[in-house]
Amino acid sequence: MSVTLLDPTNEEVPVARQITPRPEAIVGKVALLDIAKRRSDEFLDRLQEAMERRLPQVEVNRYQKPTFSKPAPADLRREIKKINDFVVIGLAD
């Protein structure tokens, strides 16, 4: 199966990227990152409820960016990577 990824950044020379293989199961710690847009917390609340119901082997950790208009601070990204096995970013409006 061939997949085409479109990168919205302005790259004069596109960078070759490979998709990370999907895990066979979601087990471990999952970070839910609220990007601080309106109602993204509501989306992540529902997602967390569904995960806790369907994936009892998963521990959910919640995080929030200070503002949606900038990337997550480096310290926050390092903490998420150090503690969690997966990350889901909640975008809503």
N, C-alpha and C. Protein backbone atom coordinates (compact mmCIF):
# COMPACT_ATOMS: atom_id res chain seq x y z
N MET A 1 0.85 -1.18 0.00
CA MET A 1 0.00 0.00 0.00
C MET A 1 0.89 1.24 0.00
N SER A 2 0.59 2.16 -0.84
CA SER A 2 1.35 3.40 -0.95
C SER A 2 0.57 4.53 -0.30
N VAL A 3 1.27 5.34 0.48
CA VAL A 3 0.63 6.46 1.16
C VAL A 3 1.37 7.74 0.78
N THR A 4 0.64 8.77 0.43
CA THR A 4 1.24 10.07 0.13
C THR A 4 0.92 11.01 1.27
N LEU A 5 1.96 11.56 1.89
CA LEU A 5 1.79 12.52 2.96
C LEU A 5 2.05 13.91 2.41
N LEU A 6 1.16 14.84 2.69
CA LEU A 6 1.35 16.21 2.27
C LEU A 6 1.82 17.03 3.46
N ASP A 7 2.95 17.67 3.31
CA ASP A 7 3.54 18.47 4.37
C ASP A 7 3.19 19.94 4.11
N PRO A 8 2.50 20.60 5.04
CA PRO A 8 2.06 21.98 4.79
C PRO A 8 3.17 23.01 4.91
N THR A 9 4.38 22.60 5.28
CA THR A 9 5.48 23.56 5.40
C THR A 9 6.04 23.88 4.02
N ASN A 10 6.69 25.00 3.92
CA ASN A 10 7.28 25.43 2.66
C ASN A 10 8.68 24.84 2.56
N GLU A 11 8.80 23.73 1.86
CA GLU A 11 10.10 23.09 1.67
C GLU A 11 10.47 23.20 0.20
N GLU A 12 11.58 23.86 -0.08
CA GLU A 12 12.02 23.94 -1.46
C GLU A 12 12.44 22.56 -1.97
N VAL A 13 13.05 21.79 -1.09
CA VAL A 13 13.43 20.42 -1.42
C VAL A 13 12.71 19.52 -0.42
N PRO A 14 11.68 18.79 -0.86
CA PRO A 14 10.95 17.93 0.08
C PRO A 14 11.87 16.93 0.79
N VAL A 15 11.56 16.69 2.05
CA VAL A 15 12.33 15.76 2.87
C VAL A 15 11.65 14.40 2.78
N ALA A 16 12.43 13.37 2.52
CA ALA A 16 11.88 12.01 2.48
C ALA A 16 11.56 11.57 3.90
N ARG A 17 10.36 11.06 4.11
CA ARG A 17 9.95 10.61 5.44
C ARG A 17 9.33 9.23 5.32
N GLN A 18 9.46 8.45 6.38
CA GLN A 18 8.81 7.16 6.44
C GLN A 18 7.79 7.17 7.57
N ILE A 19 6.69 6.49 7.35
CA ILE A 19 5.68 6.37 8.38
C ILE A 19 6.18 5.39 9.43
N THR A 20 6.02 5.76 10.69
CA THR A 20 6.39 4.87 11.79
C THR A 20 5.43 3.69 11.79
N PRO A 21 5.96 2.47 11.91
CA PRO A 21 5.06 1.30 11.94
C PRO A 21 4.07 1.40 13.10
N ARG A 22 2.85 0.99 12.84
CA ARG A 22 1.83 1.00 13.88
C ARG A 22 2.07 -0.15 14.85
N PRO A 23 1.85 0.11 16.14
CA PRO A 23 1.99 -0.98 17.11
C PRO A 23 0.85 -1.98 16.96
N GLU A 24 1.09 -3.20 17.38
CA GLU A 24 0.04 -4.21 17.31
C GLU A 24 -1.05 -3.95 18.34
N ALA A 25 -0.69 -3.30 19.45
CA ALA A 25 -1.66 -3.01 20.51
C ALA A 25 -1.27 -1.70 21.19
N ILE A 26 -2.25 -1.02 21.72
CA ILE A 26 -2.00 0.19 22.50
C ILE A 26 -1.95 -0.21 23.96
N VAL A 27 -0.75 -0.24 24.49
CA VAL A 27 -0.51 -0.65 25.88
C VAL A 27 0.50 0.33 26.46
N GLY A 28 0.27 0.76 27.68
CA GLY A 28 1.22 1.66 28.33
C GLY A 28 0.58 2.99 28.64
N LYS A 29 1.40 4.03 28.52
CA LYS A 29 0.95 5.38 28.87
C LYS A 29 0.69 6.19 27.61
N VAL A 30 -0.47 6.87 27.62
CA VAL A 30 -0.88 7.69 26.48
C VAL A 30 -1.02 9.13 26.95
N ALA A 31 -0.31 10.03 26.28
CA ALA A 31 -0.42 11.46 26.58
C ALA A 31 -1.52 12.05 25.72
N LEU A 32 -2.43 12.79 26.34
CA LEU A 32 -3.43 13.56 25.60
C LEU A 32 -3.02 15.02 25.74
N LEU A 33 -2.63 15.62 24.62
CA LEU A 33 -2.14 16.99 24.63
C LEU A 33 -3.22 17.94 24.11
N ASP A 34 -3.70 18.79 25.00
CA ASP A 34 -4.67 19.82 24.67
C ASP A 34 -3.89 21.00 24.10
N ILE A 35 -4.19 21.40 22.86
CA ILE A 35 -3.42 22.48 22.25
C ILE A 35 -3.93 23.86 22.65
N ALA A 36 -4.91 23.91 23.53
CA ALA A 36 -5.45 25.17 24.07
C ALA A 36 -6.36 25.90 23.08
N LYS A 37 -6.90 25.18 22.12
CA LYS A 37 -7.92 25.77 21.27
C LYS A 37 -9.28 25.53 21.93
N ARG A 38 -10.22 26.36 21.58
CA ARG A 38 -11.56 26.27 22.15
C ARG A 38 -12.14 24.86 21.94
N ARG A 39 -12.61 24.25 22.99
CA ARG A 39 -13.29 22.96 23.04
C ARG A 39 -12.39 21.75 22.82
N SER A 40 -11.09 21.95 22.67
CA SER A 40 -10.22 20.77 22.53
C SER A 40 -10.22 19.95 23.81
N ASP A 41 -10.42 20.60 24.95
CA ASP A 41 -10.49 19.85 26.21
C ASP A 41 -11.72 18.94 26.23
N GLU A 42 -12.84 19.40 25.65
CA GLU A 42 -14.04 18.57 25.59
C GLU A 42 -13.81 17.33 24.72
N PHE A 43 -13.15 17.52 23.59
CA PHE A 43 -12.82 16.39 22.72
C PHE A 43 -11.95 15.38 23.47
N LEU A 44 -10.92 15.87 24.16
CA LEU A 44 -10.02 14.96 24.88
C LEU A 44 -10.72 14.31 26.07
N ASP A 45 -11.66 14.99 26.70
CA ASP A 45 -12.44 14.38 27.78
C ASP A 45 -13.18 13.14 27.26
N ARG A 46 -13.88 13.30 26.12
CA ARG A 46 -14.61 12.17 25.54
C ARG A 46 -13.66 11.05 25.10
N LEU A 47 -12.53 11.43 24.52
CA LEU A 47 -11.55 10.43 24.10
C LEU A 47 -11.00 9.67 25.30
N GLN A 48 -10.70 10.38 26.37
CA GLN A 48 -10.19 9.72 27.57
C GLN A 48 -11.23 8.75 28.14
N GLU A 49 -12.49 9.16 28.19
CA GLU A 49 -13.55 8.27 28.68
C GLU A 49 -13.62 7.00 27.83
N ALA A 50 -13.55 7.14 26.52
CA ALA A 50 -13.61 5.98 25.63
C ALA A 50 -12.39 5.08 25.81
N MET A 51 -11.23 5.68 25.96
CA MET A 51 -10.02 4.89 26.15
C MET A 51 -10.07 4.11 27.47
N GLU A 52 -10.52 4.77 28.52
CA GLU A 52 -10.59 4.10 29.82
C GLU A 52 -11.60 2.96 29.81
N ARG A 53 -12.66 3.10 29.02
CA ARG A 53 -13.67 2.05 28.90
C ARG A 53 -13.16 0.89 28.05
N ARG A 54 -12.51 1.19 26.94
CA ARG A 54 -12.13 0.16 25.96
C ARG A 54 -10.70 -0.36 26.10
N LEU A 55 -9.84 0.42 26.74
CA LEU A 55 -8.43 0.05 26.86
C LEU A 55 -7.98 0.12 28.31
N PRO A 56 -8.44 -0.81 29.15
CA PRO A 56 -8.09 -0.73 30.58
C PRO A 56 -6.60 -0.87 30.85
N GLN A 57 -5.83 -1.36 29.87
CA GLN A 57 -4.40 -1.54 30.04
C GLN A 57 -3.63 -0.23 29.76
N VAL A 58 -4.34 0.85 29.50
CA VAL A 58 -3.72 2.12 29.16
C VAL A 58 -3.86 3.10 30.33
N GLU A 59 -2.79 3.82 30.60
CA GLU A 59 -2.81 4.90 31.59
C GLU A 59 -2.78 6.22 30.82
N VAL A 60 -3.74 7.10 31.08
CA VAL A 60 -3.85 8.36 30.35
C VAL A 60 -3.24 9.48 31.19
N ASN A 61 -2.40 10.29 30.55
CA ASN A 61 -1.81 11.48 31.17
C ASN A 61 -2.23 12.69 30.34
N ARG A 62 -2.67 13.75 31.02
CA ARG A 62 -3.16 14.94 30.32
C ARG A 62 -2.13 16.07 30.41
N TYR A 63 -2.02 16.81 29.30
CA TYR A 63 -1.12 17.95 29.20
C TYR A 63 -1.83 19.05 28.43
N GLN A 64 -1.34 20.30 28.59
CA GLN A 64 -1.91 21.41 27.82
C GLN A 64 -0.81 22.38 27.43
N LYS A 65 -0.86 22.79 26.16
CA LYS A 65 0.05 23.82 25.69
C LYS A 65 -0.39 25.16 26.27
N PRO A 66 0.54 26.10 26.47
CA PRO A 66 0.15 27.42 26.97
C PRO A 66 -0.72 28.19 25.98
N THR A 67 -0.50 28.01 24.69
CA THR A 67 -1.26 28.70 23.66
C THR A 67 -1.28 27.88 22.39
N PHE A 68 -2.36 27.96 21.63
CA PHE A 68 -2.45 27.18 20.39
C PHE A 68 -1.60 27.78 19.27
N SER A 69 -1.22 29.04 19.41
CA SER A 69 -0.55 29.73 18.31
C SER A 69 0.95 29.47 18.21
N LYS A 70 1.49 28.72 19.16
CA LYS A 70 2.92 28.42 19.15
C LYS A 70 3.13 26.93 19.42
N PRO A 71 4.26 26.39 18.97
CA PRO A 71 4.55 24.98 19.29
C PRO A 71 4.63 24.77 20.80
N ALA A 72 4.42 23.53 21.21
CA ALA A 72 4.56 23.20 22.63
C ALA A 72 5.99 23.50 23.08
N PRO A 73 6.17 24.04 24.28
CA PRO A 73 7.51 24.32 24.77
C PRO A 73 8.37 23.05 24.81
N ALA A 74 9.66 23.23 24.60
CA ALA A 74 10.59 22.09 24.55
C ALA A 74 10.53 21.26 25.83
N ASP A 75 10.42 21.90 26.99
CA ASP A 75 10.35 21.15 28.25
C ASP A 75 9.12 20.26 28.30
N LEU A 76 8.00 20.77 27.82
CA LEU A 76 6.76 19.99 27.79
C LEU A 76 6.90 18.80 26.84
N ARG A 77 7.47 19.04 25.67
CA ARG A 77 7.67 17.94 24.71
C ARG A 77 8.59 16.87 25.29
N ARG A 78 9.66 17.29 25.96
CA ARG A 78 10.58 16.31 26.57
C ARG A 78 9.88 15.49 27.65
N GLU A 79 9.08 16.17 28.48
CA GLU A 79 8.34 15.46 29.55
C GLU A 79 7.38 14.43 28.95
N ILE A 80 6.65 14.83 27.94
CA ILE A 80 5.70 13.91 27.29
C ILE A 80 6.44 12.71 26.73
N LYS A 81 7.55 12.95 26.05
CA LYS A 81 8.32 11.86 25.45
C LYS A 81 8.91 10.93 26.50
N LYS A 82 9.39 11.50 27.60
CA LYS A 82 10.04 10.71 28.65
C LYS A 82 9.05 9.79 29.36
N ILE A 83 7.84 10.26 29.58
CA ILE A 83 6.88 9.54 30.43
C ILE A 83 5.95 8.63 29.64
N ASN A 84 5.66 8.96 28.39
CA ASN A 84 4.57 8.29 27.65
C ASN A 84 5.06 7.45 26.49
N ASP A 85 4.22 6.48 26.11
CA ASP A 85 4.50 5.62 24.97
C ASP A 85 3.82 6.13 23.69
N PHE A 86 2.74 6.88 23.84
CA PHE A 86 1.96 7.41 22.72
C PHE A 86 1.52 8.83 23.06
N VAL A 87 1.19 9.59 22.02
CA VAL A 87 0.63 10.92 22.25
C VAL A 87 -0.50 11.16 21.24
N VAL A 88 -1.57 11.78 21.75
CA VAL A 88 -2.69 12.19 20.91
C VAL A 88 -2.84 13.69 21.13
N ILE A 89 -2.89 14.43 20.03
CA ILE A 89 -3.03 15.88 20.11
C ILE A 89 -4.47 16.25 19.79
N GLY A 90 -5.12 16.96 20.70
CA GLY A 90 -6.53 17.30 20.53
C GLY A 90 -6.69 18.67 19.90
N LEU A 91 -7.27 18.68 18.71
CA LEU A 91 -7.53 19.92 18.00
C LEU A 91 -9.04 20.02 17.81
N ALA A 92 -9.61 21.13 18.21
CA ALA A 92 -11.05 21.31 18.07
C ALA A 92 -11.35 22.78 17.91
N ASP A 93 -12.49 23.06 17.40
CA ASP A 93 -13.00 24.44 17.26
C ASP A 93 -14.50 24.40 17.20
